[in-house]
Structure formats: structure tokens, C-alpha cells
Amino acid sequence: MCAMARPRKPLLSRDLIVETAGALVDAEGLSALSTRRLAAELGVSGPSLYNHFRTKDAILDAVADTVSAQVDLSMFAPDDPRDWRTALHDWAVSYRAALARHPHLVPLLAQGPGRRPAGLRVADTVFGAMVRAGWPPAQATSVGALMRYFVTGSALGSFARGFVDDETAYDPADYPHLGQAHLLAEHREKVDEGAFTTGLRALLDGLGTQYEAGVRDAWGAARRGAGQDT
């Protein structure tokens, strides 16, 4: 009678390391990740990780880049019919959703793409789309930076969760306008989503005003250069 073969342990790979590290960070936060802990989770010796990544920071970079890769960029394709404003809106919503799925990684992603391929692809795509839409390169850079500040900032924490749900915590003698603040945590999703939507609309309205002014200025300069002033 033949003995049943023992199941083989999955071969260690970059993808398996990144997947396991990402799950650990999602569950317990950035501080939980160490090469020793990761090796234990994978059932391997610590040095074996270094056959795939030189440092723990390199592993974290790879984990962070998997989040950037989840951001939808289809709205910036040259053949997509959405205008630049709608494209920015839809991208911001997708970007924030990706960050919301991995909140512990937001502080790392907020530092910028560095050398991460997916993160750089996001930056390159947004910048290229804004330039194609007519934004001058310097302003296109500012638009991309502004959007990243806004989205990552909104994902760094919850405004509603910043208040405790104890109605006695906010004495009206000291805080006369916070009588309902203890209810915010209970309605966290509605409050935070509403703030994001309101802020995104206001931001895009402001960019739209700047864009229209820039187009008018460029059109006027072109007319003056052609000697068509009246």
C-alpha cells in the first residue's frame, strides 16, 4: 500500500512574499511587519527572503505598489470620451477606494511613488492627461500634486471617528456648537463620504475656473500675437 504524498509547501516567490506581507500589514499595521515575523508567517528562514528582496523597505515598497496598481486609470486613455474634469473625479474616487481598502498603507503611499513602477505610472498618466487637456506642464504638475494631497489626506483618518460617542464628553459650556458631535461616529460613513464628495466638487470647481481663465488668457495672447486685437 502506497503512502499518500505529503502536500508540497508553496515555493517562495516575490508574489507570495508581497501577498503575505500585505495581509499582515492590513491586519495589524505597518509596525507589525518585520522580516522575522514575515518569515515565520511564510514558514521559511529569514535569510531566504533576501533572495527576493534586499531589505524590509523594499518589501514594503512592493506592497504599497500593489495598492497603486488597483487605481483605475482607464478614464485617462486618449480614446476615453470623458473630459479632464470628469476624468479627475472618477480617478479620485477610484484612488480613494483603493486607499480605503488598505488604510495602514496610506502614510507610506502619501510620501509619493519614489521608484515604485505602478505609482510612477499613476503620476505619469495623470500628468500626461492634464497636458493633453490643455493645462501648461507646470500647472499640470500642480493639479496632480493637489489631487494626491486631497485624496491621501481624506484617507489618512476619519473625521467622524475623531469624536467619542459619549454625549457627556462635550460640555456645552465649553463647546456650545458640539452638542451633536457624539453622534458623528455612529454615522461615520455618511459623514466622511459626504465630506469627500463636497471637497472634491469644490476642488474641481476651482480647477475649472482656473482652467477657463488660462484658456481665455492663452486665446487672448494668441490673438495679440497674430495682430487681431480689436
C-alpha atoms as a PDB file:
ATOM      1  CA  MET A   1       0.000   0.000   0.000  1.00  0.00           C
ATOM      2  CA  CYS A   2       1.499   3.309  -1.054  1.00  0.00           C
ATOM      3  CA  ALA A   3       1.691   6.141   1.459  1.00  0.00           C
ATOM      4  CA  MET A   4      -0.018   9.359   0.436  1.00  0.00           C
ATOM      5  CA  ALA A   5       2.409  12.038  -0.650  1.00  0.00           C
ATOM      6  CA  ARG A   6       2.708  14.944   1.741  1.00  0.00           C
ATOM      7  CA  PRO A   7       1.417  18.248   0.285  1.00  0.00           C
ATOM      8  CA  ARG A   8       4.231  20.374  -1.010  1.00  0.00           C
ATOM      9  CA  LYS A   9       4.833  23.765   0.567  1.00  0.00           C
ATOM     10  CA  PRO A  10       4.302  26.567  -1.979  1.00  0.00           C
ATOM     11  CA  LEU A  11       7.571  27.735  -3.460  1.00  0.00           C
ATOM     12  CA  LEU A  12       8.727  31.043  -2.047  1.00  0.00           C
ATOM     13  CA  SER A  13       8.366  33.822  -4.596  1.00  0.00           C
ATOM     14  CA  ARG A  14       8.240  37.599  -4.735  1.00  0.00           C
ATOM     15  CA  ASP A  15       4.493  37.497  -5.247  1.00  0.00           C
ATOM     16  CA  LEU A  16       3.939  35.238  -2.229  1.00  0.00           C
ATOM     17  CA  ILE A  17       6.148  37.427  -0.048  1.00  0.00           C
ATOM     18  CA  VAL A  18       4.297  40.582  -1.115  1.00  0.00           C
ATOM     19  CA  GLU A  19       0.880  38.979  -0.672  1.00  0.00           C
ATOM     20  CA  THR A  20       1.724  37.707   2.814  1.00  0.00           C
ATOM     21  CA  ALA A  21       3.340  40.991   3.869  1.00  0.00           C
ATOM     22  CA  GLY A  22       0.329  42.935   2.601  1.00  0.00           C
ATOM     23  CA  ALA A  23      -2.103  40.740   4.517  1.00  0.00           C
ATOM     24  CA  LEU A  24      -0.032  41.211   7.682  1.00  0.00           C
ATOM     25  CA  VAL A  25       0.041  44.995   7.320  1.00  0.00           C
ATOM     26  CA  ASP A  26      -3.678  45.140   6.516  1.00  0.00           C
ATOM     27  CA  ALA A  27      -4.458  43.119   9.628  1.00  0.00           C
ATOM     28  CA  GLU A  28      -2.036  44.609  12.154  1.00  0.00           C
ATOM     29  CA  GLY A  29      -0.430  47.759  10.726  1.00  0.00           C
ATOM     30  CA  LEU A  30       2.990  48.743   9.453  1.00  0.00           C
ATOM     31  CA  SER A  31       4.686  48.219  12.807  1.00  0.00           C
ATOM     32  CA  ALA A  32       3.768  44.529  12.744  1.00  0.00           C
ATOM     33  CA  LEU A  33       5.909  43.825   9.714  1.00  0.00           C
ATOM     34  CA  SER A  34       9.430  42.582  10.310  1.00  0.00           C
ATOM     35  CA  THR A  35      11.482  40.135   8.286  1.00  0.00           C
ATOM     36  CA  ARG A  36      11.435  37.728  11.224  1.00  0.00           C
ATOM     37  CA  ARG A  37       7.637  37.878  11.534  1.00  0.00           C
ATOM     38  CA  LEU A  38       7.183  37.625   7.786  1.00  0.00           C
ATOM     39  CA  ALA A  39       9.490  34.614   7.547  1.00  0.00           C
ATOM     40  CA  ALA A  40       7.538  32.926  10.327  1.00  0.00           C
ATOM     41  CA  GLU A  41       4.243  33.582   8.534  1.00  0.00           C
ATOM     42  CA  LEU A  42       5.706  32.037   5.384  1.00  0.00           C
ATOM     43  CA  GLY A  43       7.286  29.118   7.236  1.00  0.00           C
ATOM     44  CA  VAL A  44      10.776  29.874   5.944  1.00  0.00           C
ATOM     45  CA  SER A  45      14.058  31.087   7.371  1.00  0.00           C
ATOM     46  CA  GLY A  46      14.647  34.843   7.486  1.00  0.00           C
ATOM     47  CA  PRO A  47      17.649  34.864   5.126  1.00  0.00           C
ATOM     48  CA  SER A  48      15.597  33.202   2.385  1.00  0.00           C
ATOM     49  CA  LEU A  49      13.618  36.433   1.999  1.00  0.00           C
ATOM     50  CA  TYR A  50      16.767  38.219   0.909  1.00  0.00           C
ATOM     51  CA  ASN A  51      16.961  36.053  -2.190  1.00  0.00           C
ATOM     52  CA  HIS A  52      13.982  38.085  -3.403  1.00  0.00           C
ATOM     53  CA  PHE A  53      14.208  41.438  -1.587  1.00  0.00           C
ATOM     54  CA  ARG A  54      17.305  43.167  -0.255  1.00  0.00           C
ATOM     55  CA  THR A  55      15.561  44.928   2.644  1.00  0.00           C
ATOM     56  CA  LYS A  56      12.294  45.149   4.532  1.00  0.00           C
ATOM     57  CA  ASP A  57      11.754  48.596   2.986  1.00  0.00           C
ATOM     58  CA  ALA A  58      11.926  47.003  -0.467  1.00  0.00           C
ATOM     59  CA  ILE A  59       9.184  44.593   0.582  1.00  0.00           C
ATOM     60  CA  LEU A  60       7.058  47.480   1.850  1.00  0.00           C
ATOM     61  CA  ASP A  61       7.590  49.368  -1.399  1.00  0.00           C
ATOM     62  CA  ALA A  62       6.358  46.348  -3.334  1.00  0.00           C
ATOM     63  CA  VAL A  63       3.323  46.014  -1.062  1.00  0.00           C
ATOM     64  CA  ALA A  64       2.499  49.714  -1.456  1.00  0.00           C
ATOM     65  CA  ASP A  65       2.816  49.423  -5.220  1.00  0.00           C
ATOM     66  CA  THR A  66       0.149  46.729  -5.309  1.00  0.00           C
ATOM     67  CA  VAL A  67      -2.256  49.340  -3.929  1.00  0.00           C
ATOM     68  CA  SER A  68      -1.293  51.876  -6.616  1.00  0.00           C
ATOM     69  CA  ALA A  69      -1.883  49.164  -9.205  1.00  0.00           C
ATOM     70  CA  GLN A  70      -5.508  48.911  -8.037  1.00  0.00           C
ATOM     71  CA  VAL A  71      -6.266  52.508  -9.042  1.00  0.00           C
ATOM     72  CA  ASP A  72      -8.322  52.771 -12.230  1.00  0.00           C
ATOM     73  CA  LEU A  73      -6.606  54.828 -14.939  1.00  0.00           C
ATOM     74  CA  SER A  74      -8.892  53.978 -17.851  1.00  0.00           C
ATOM     75  CA  MET A  75     -10.526  57.416 -17.773  1.00  0.00           C
ATOM     76  CA  PHE A  76      -7.247  58.986 -18.916  1.00  0.00           C
ATOM     77  CA  ALA A  77      -6.911  56.878 -22.057  1.00  0.00           C
ATOM     78  CA  PRO A  78      -6.665  59.086 -25.178  1.00  0.00           C
ATOM     79  CA  ASP A  79      -9.779  57.459 -26.638  1.00  0.00           C
ATOM     80  CA  ASP A  80     -11.879  57.808 -23.464  1.00  0.00           C
ATOM     81  CA  PRO A  81     -14.698  60.344 -24.022  1.00  0.00           C
ATOM     82  CA  ARG A  82     -14.585  61.836 -20.514  1.00  0.00           C
ATOM     83  CA  ASP A  83     -13.301  65.405 -20.251  1.00  0.00           C
ATOM     84  CA  TRP A  84     -10.404  66.196 -17.910  1.00  0.00           C
ATOM     85  CA  ARG A  85     -12.649  67.255 -15.041  1.00  0.00           C
ATOM     86  CA  THR A  86     -14.816  64.127 -15.145  1.00  0.00           C
ATOM     87  CA  ALA A  87     -11.695  62.001 -15.517  1.00  0.00           C
ATOM     88  CA  LEU A  88     -10.123  63.571 -12.434  1.00  0.00           C
ATOM     89  CA  HIS A  89     -13.324  63.000 -10.469  1.00  0.00           C
ATOM     90  CA  ASP A  90     -13.604  59.333 -11.432  1.00  0.00           C
ATOM     91  CA  TRP A  91      -9.893  58.752 -10.817  1.00  0.00           C
ATOM     92  CA  ALA A  92     -10.072  60.382  -7.377  1.00  0.00           C
ATOM     93  CA  VAL A  93     -12.982  58.135  -6.400  1.00  0.00           C
ATOM     94  CA  SER A  94     -11.084  55.024  -7.526  1.00  0.00           C
ATOM     95  CA  TYR A  95      -7.885  56.223  -5.841  1.00  0.00           C
ATOM     96  CA  ARG A  96      -9.611  56.811  -2.521  1.00  0.00           C
ATOM     97  CA  ALA A  97     -11.381  53.441  -2.707  1.00  0.00           C
ATOM     98  CA  ALA A  98      -8.037  51.687  -3.174  1.00  0.00           C
ATOM     99  CA  LEU A  99      -6.585  53.505  -0.167  1.00  0.00           C
ATOM    100  CA  ALA A 100      -9.672  52.751   1.925  1.00  0.00           C
ATOM    101  CA  ARG A 101      -9.112  49.032   1.359  1.00  0.00           C
ATOM    102  CA  HIS A 102      -5.589  49.334   2.805  1.00  0.00           C
ATOM    103  CA  PRO A 103      -5.679  52.154   5.393  1.00  0.00           C
ATOM    104  CA  HIS A 104      -2.460  51.123   7.161  1.00  0.00           C
ATOM    105  CA  LEU A 105      -0.501  51.742   3.959  1.00  0.00           C
ATOM    106  CA  VAL A 106      -1.791  55.279   3.401  1.00  0.00           C
ATOM    107  CA  PRO A 107       1.069  57.001   5.333  1.00  0.00           C
ATOM    108  CA  LEU A 108       3.595  55.205   3.151  1.00  0.00           C
ATOM    109  CA  LEU A 109       1.751  55.978  -0.077  1.00  0.00           C
ATOM    110  CA  ALA A 110       1.361  59.624   0.955  1.00  0.00           C
ATOM    111  CA  GLN A 111       5.139  60.008   0.741  1.00  0.00           C
ATOM    112  CA  GLY A 112       4.983  59.655  -3.042  1.00  0.00           C
ATOM    113  CA  PRO A 113       5.847  56.973  -5.595  1.00  0.00           C
ATOM    114  CA  GLY A 114       9.646  57.038  -5.284  1.00  0.00           C
ATOM    115  CA  ARG A 115      10.772  54.270  -7.643  1.00  0.00           C
ATOM    116  CA  ARG A 116       7.600  52.170  -7.492  1.00  0.00           C
ATOM    117  CA  PRO A 117       6.505  51.273 -11.050  1.00  0.00           C
ATOM    118  CA  ALA A 118       2.729  51.340 -10.518  1.00  0.00           C
ATOM    119  CA  GLY A 119       2.911  54.556  -8.503  1.00  0.00           C
ATOM    120  CA  LEU A 120       5.025  56.193 -11.188  1.00  0.00           C
ATOM    121  CA  ARG A 121       2.581  55.005 -13.835  1.00  0.00           C
ATOM    122  CA  VAL A 122      -0.233  56.766 -11.986  1.00  0.00           C
ATOM    123  CA  ALA A 123       1.741  60.023 -11.780  1.00  0.00           C
ATOM    124  CA  ASP A 124       2.832  59.819 -15.420  1.00  0.00           C
ATOM    125  CA  THR A 125      -0.679  59.057 -16.661  1.00  0.00           C
ATOM    126  CA  VAL A 126      -2.362  61.872 -14.751  1.00  0.00           C
ATOM    127  CA  PHE A 127       0.271  64.421 -15.790  1.00  0.00           C
ATOM    128  CA  GLY A 128       0.105  63.350 -19.447  1.00  0.00           C
ATOM    129  CA  ALA A 129      -3.684  63.559 -19.490  1.00  0.00           C
ATOM    130  CA  MET A 130      -3.710  67.042 -17.991  1.00  0.00           C
ATOM    131  CA  VAL A 131      -1.175  68.302 -20.538  1.00  0.00           C
ATOM    132  CA  ARG A 132      -3.211  66.778 -23.384  1.00  0.00           C
ATOM    133  CA  ALA A 133      -6.277  68.546 -21.974  1.00  0.00           C
ATOM    134  CA  GLY A 134      -4.532  71.903 -22.302  1.00  0.00           C
ATOM    135  CA  TRP A 135      -3.002  72.505 -18.879  1.00  0.00           C
ATOM    136  CA  PRO A 136       0.504  74.016 -19.076  1.00  0.00           C
ATOM    137  CA  PRO A 137       3.065  71.470 -17.780  1.00  0.00           C
ATOM    138  CA  ALA A 138       3.835  73.377 -14.576  1.00  0.00           C
ATOM    139  CA  GLN A 139       0.141  73.652 -13.731  1.00  0.00           C
ATOM    140  CA  ALA A 140      -0.455  70.025 -14.702  1.00  0.00           C
ATOM    141  CA  THR A 141       2.149  69.071 -12.106  1.00  0.00           C
ATOM    142  CA  SER A 142       0.326  71.183  -9.527  1.00  0.00           C
ATOM    143  CA  VAL A 143      -3.006  69.570 -10.400  1.00  0.00           C
ATOM    144  CA  GLY A 144      -1.587  66.086  -9.919  1.00  0.00           C
ATOM    145  CA  ALA A 145       0.026  67.061  -6.620  1.00  0.00           C
ATOM    146  CA  LEU A 146      -3.135  68.759  -5.386  1.00  0.00           C
ATOM    147  CA  MET A 147      -5.251  65.717  -6.146  1.00  0.00           C
ATOM    148  CA  ARG A 148      -2.813  63.426  -4.334  1.00  0.00           C
ATOM    149  CA  TYR A 149      -2.798  65.720  -1.289  1.00  0.00           C
ATOM    150  CA  PHE A 150      -6.578  65.747  -1.199  1.00  0.00           C
ATOM    151  CA  VAL A 151      -7.172  62.028  -1.717  1.00  0.00           C
ATOM    152  CA  THR A 152      -4.451  60.747   0.604  1.00  0.00           C
ATOM    153  CA  GLY A 153      -5.409  63.334   3.212  1.00  0.00           C
ATOM    154  CA  SER A 154      -9.015  62.189   3.133  1.00  0.00           C
ATOM    155  CA  ALA A 155      -7.881  58.583   3.545  1.00  0.00           C
ATOM    156  CA  LEU A 156      -5.426  59.189   6.395  1.00  0.00           C
ATOM    157  CA  GLY A 157      -8.149  59.238   9.005  1.00  0.00           C
ATOM    158  CA  SER A 158     -11.832  59.606   9.695  1.00  0.00           C
ATOM    159  CA  PHE A 159     -13.176  62.986  10.784  1.00  0.00           C
ATOM    160  CA  ALA A 160     -16.216  61.340  12.341  1.00  0.00           C
ATOM    161  CA  ARG A 161     -14.174  58.862  14.356  1.00  0.00           C
ATOM    162  CA  GLY A 162     -12.282  61.747  15.884  1.00  0.00           C
ATOM    163  CA  PHE A 163     -15.178  62.324  18.271  1.00  0.00           C
ATOM    164  CA  VAL A 164     -16.205  59.967  21.062  1.00  0.00           C
ATOM    165  CA  ASP A 165     -19.759  58.646  21.239  1.00  0.00           C
ATOM    166  CA  ASP A 166     -20.287  59.837  24.826  1.00  0.00           C
ATOM    167  CA  GLU A 167     -22.862  62.630  24.886  1.00  0.00           C
ATOM    168  CA  THR A 168     -21.401  63.931  28.172  1.00  0.00           C
ATOM    169  CA  ALA A 169     -17.951  64.432  26.674  1.00  0.00           C
ATOM    170  CA  TYR A 170     -18.645  67.838  25.159  1.00  0.00           C
ATOM    171  CA  ASP A 171     -19.899  70.249  27.798  1.00  0.00           C
ATOM    172  CA  PRO A 172     -21.986  72.941  26.070  1.00  0.00           C
ATOM    173  CA  ALA A 173     -20.461  75.487  28.435  1.00  0.00           C
ATOM    174  CA  ASP A 174     -17.103  74.814  26.799  1.00  0.00           C
ATOM    175  CA  TYR A 175     -18.202  73.691  23.331  1.00  0.00           C
ATOM    176  CA  PRO A 176     -21.564  75.294  22.545  1.00  0.00           C
ATOM    177  CA  HIS A 177     -21.604  74.057  18.939  1.00  0.00           C
ATOM    178  CA  LEU A 178     -20.697  70.399  19.541  1.00  0.00           C
ATOM    179  CA  GLY A 179     -23.942  69.251  21.073  1.00  0.00           C
ATOM    180  CA  GLN A 180     -24.387  66.571  18.386  1.00  0.00           C
ATOM    181  CA  ALA A 181     -20.716  65.657  17.962  1.00  0.00           C
ATOM    182  CA  HIS A 182     -21.130  62.412  19.876  1.00  0.00           C
ATOM    183  CA  LEU A 183     -23.369  61.157  17.059  1.00  0.00           C
ATOM    184  CA  LEU A 184     -20.735  61.549  14.341  1.00  0.00           C
ATOM    185  CA  ALA A 185     -19.007  58.214  14.937  1.00  0.00           C
ATOM    186  CA  GLU A 186     -22.322  56.395  14.512  1.00  0.00           C
ATOM    187  CA  HIS A 187     -22.718  57.990  11.076  1.00  0.00           C
ATOM    188  CA  ARG A 188     -19.055  57.768  10.096  1.00  0.00           C
ATOM    189  CA  GLU A 189     -19.514  56.558   6.536  1.00  0.00           C
ATOM    190  CA  LYS A 190     -22.147  59.152   5.655  1.00  0.00           C
ATOM    191  CA  VAL A 191     -20.146  61.994   7.251  1.00  0.00           C
ATOM    192  CA  ASP A 192     -16.798  61.043   5.738  1.00  0.00           C
ATOM    193  CA  GLU A 193     -18.167  60.227   2.293  1.00  0.00           C
ATOM    194  CA  GLY A 194     -20.137  63.459   2.304  1.00  0.00           C
ATOM    195  CA  ALA A 195     -17.054  65.463   3.198  1.00  0.00           C
ATOM    196  CA  PHE A 196     -15.039  63.790   0.445  1.00  0.00           C
ATOM    197  CA  THR A 197     -17.743  64.396  -2.154  1.00  0.00           C
ATOM    198  CA  THR A 198     -18.199  68.035  -1.106  1.00  0.00           C
ATOM    199  CA  GLY A 199     -14.462  68.691  -1.097  1.00  0.00           C
ATOM    200  CA  LEU A 200     -13.891  67.006  -4.440  1.00  0.00           C
ATOM    201  CA  ARG A 201     -16.663  69.016  -6.060  1.00  0.00           C
ATOM    202  CA  ALA A 202     -15.296  72.280  -4.640  1.00  0.00           C
ATOM    203  CA  LEU A 203     -11.765  71.400  -5.708  1.00  0.00           C
ATOM    204  CA  LEU A 204     -12.834  70.584  -9.268  1.00  0.00           C
ATOM    205  CA  ASP A 205     -14.955  73.748  -9.443  1.00  0.00           C
ATOM    206  CA  GLY A 206     -11.893  75.774  -8.512  1.00  0.00           C
ATOM    207  CA  LEU A 207      -9.714  73.991 -11.053  1.00  0.00           C
ATOM    208  CA  GLY A 208     -12.381  74.539 -13.680  1.00  0.00           C
ATOM    209  CA  THR A 209     -12.317  78.282 -13.033  1.00  0.00           C
ATOM    210  CA  GLN A 210      -8.520  78.351 -13.316  1.00  0.00           C
ATOM    211  CA  TYR A 211      -8.613  76.292 -16.487  1.00  0.00           C
ATOM    212  CA  GLU A 212     -11.151  78.546 -18.184  1.00  0.00           C
ATOM    213  CA  ALA A 213      -9.159  81.632 -17.204  1.00  0.00           C
ATOM    214  CA  GLY A 214      -5.999  80.060 -18.590  1.00  0.00           C
ATOM    215  CA  VAL A 215      -7.680  79.181 -21.861  1.00  0.00           C
ATOM    216  CA  ARG A 216      -9.001  82.741 -22.191  1.00  0.00           C
ATOM    217  CA  ASP A 217      -5.555  84.160 -21.461  1.00  0.00           C
ATOM    218  CA  ALA A 218      -3.893  81.856 -23.981  1.00  0.00           C
ATOM    219  CA  TRP A 219      -6.525  82.692 -26.602  1.00  0.00           C
ATOM    220  CA  GLY A 220      -6.046  86.413 -25.993  1.00  0.00           C
ATOM    221  CA  ALA A 221      -2.264  86.099 -26.220  1.00  0.00           C
ATOM    222  CA  ALA A 222      -2.582  84.198 -29.495  1.00  0.00           C
ATOM    223  CA  ARG A 223      -4.843  86.894 -30.927  1.00  0.00           C
ATOM    224  CA  ARG A 224      -2.453  89.635 -29.874  1.00  0.00           C
ATOM    225  CA  GLY A 225       0.433  87.751 -31.411  1.00  0.00           C
ATOM    226  CA  ALA A 226      -1.487  87.479 -34.657  1.00  0.00           C
ATOM    227  CA  GLY A 227      -2.311  91.204 -34.584  1.00  0.00           C
ATOM    228  CA  GLN A 228      -6.049  90.577 -34.241  1.00  0.00           C
ATOM    229  CA  ASP A 229      -6.738  92.790 -31.208  1.00  0.00           C
ATOM    230  CA  THR A 230      -9.791  94.973 -31.542  1.00  0.00           C
END
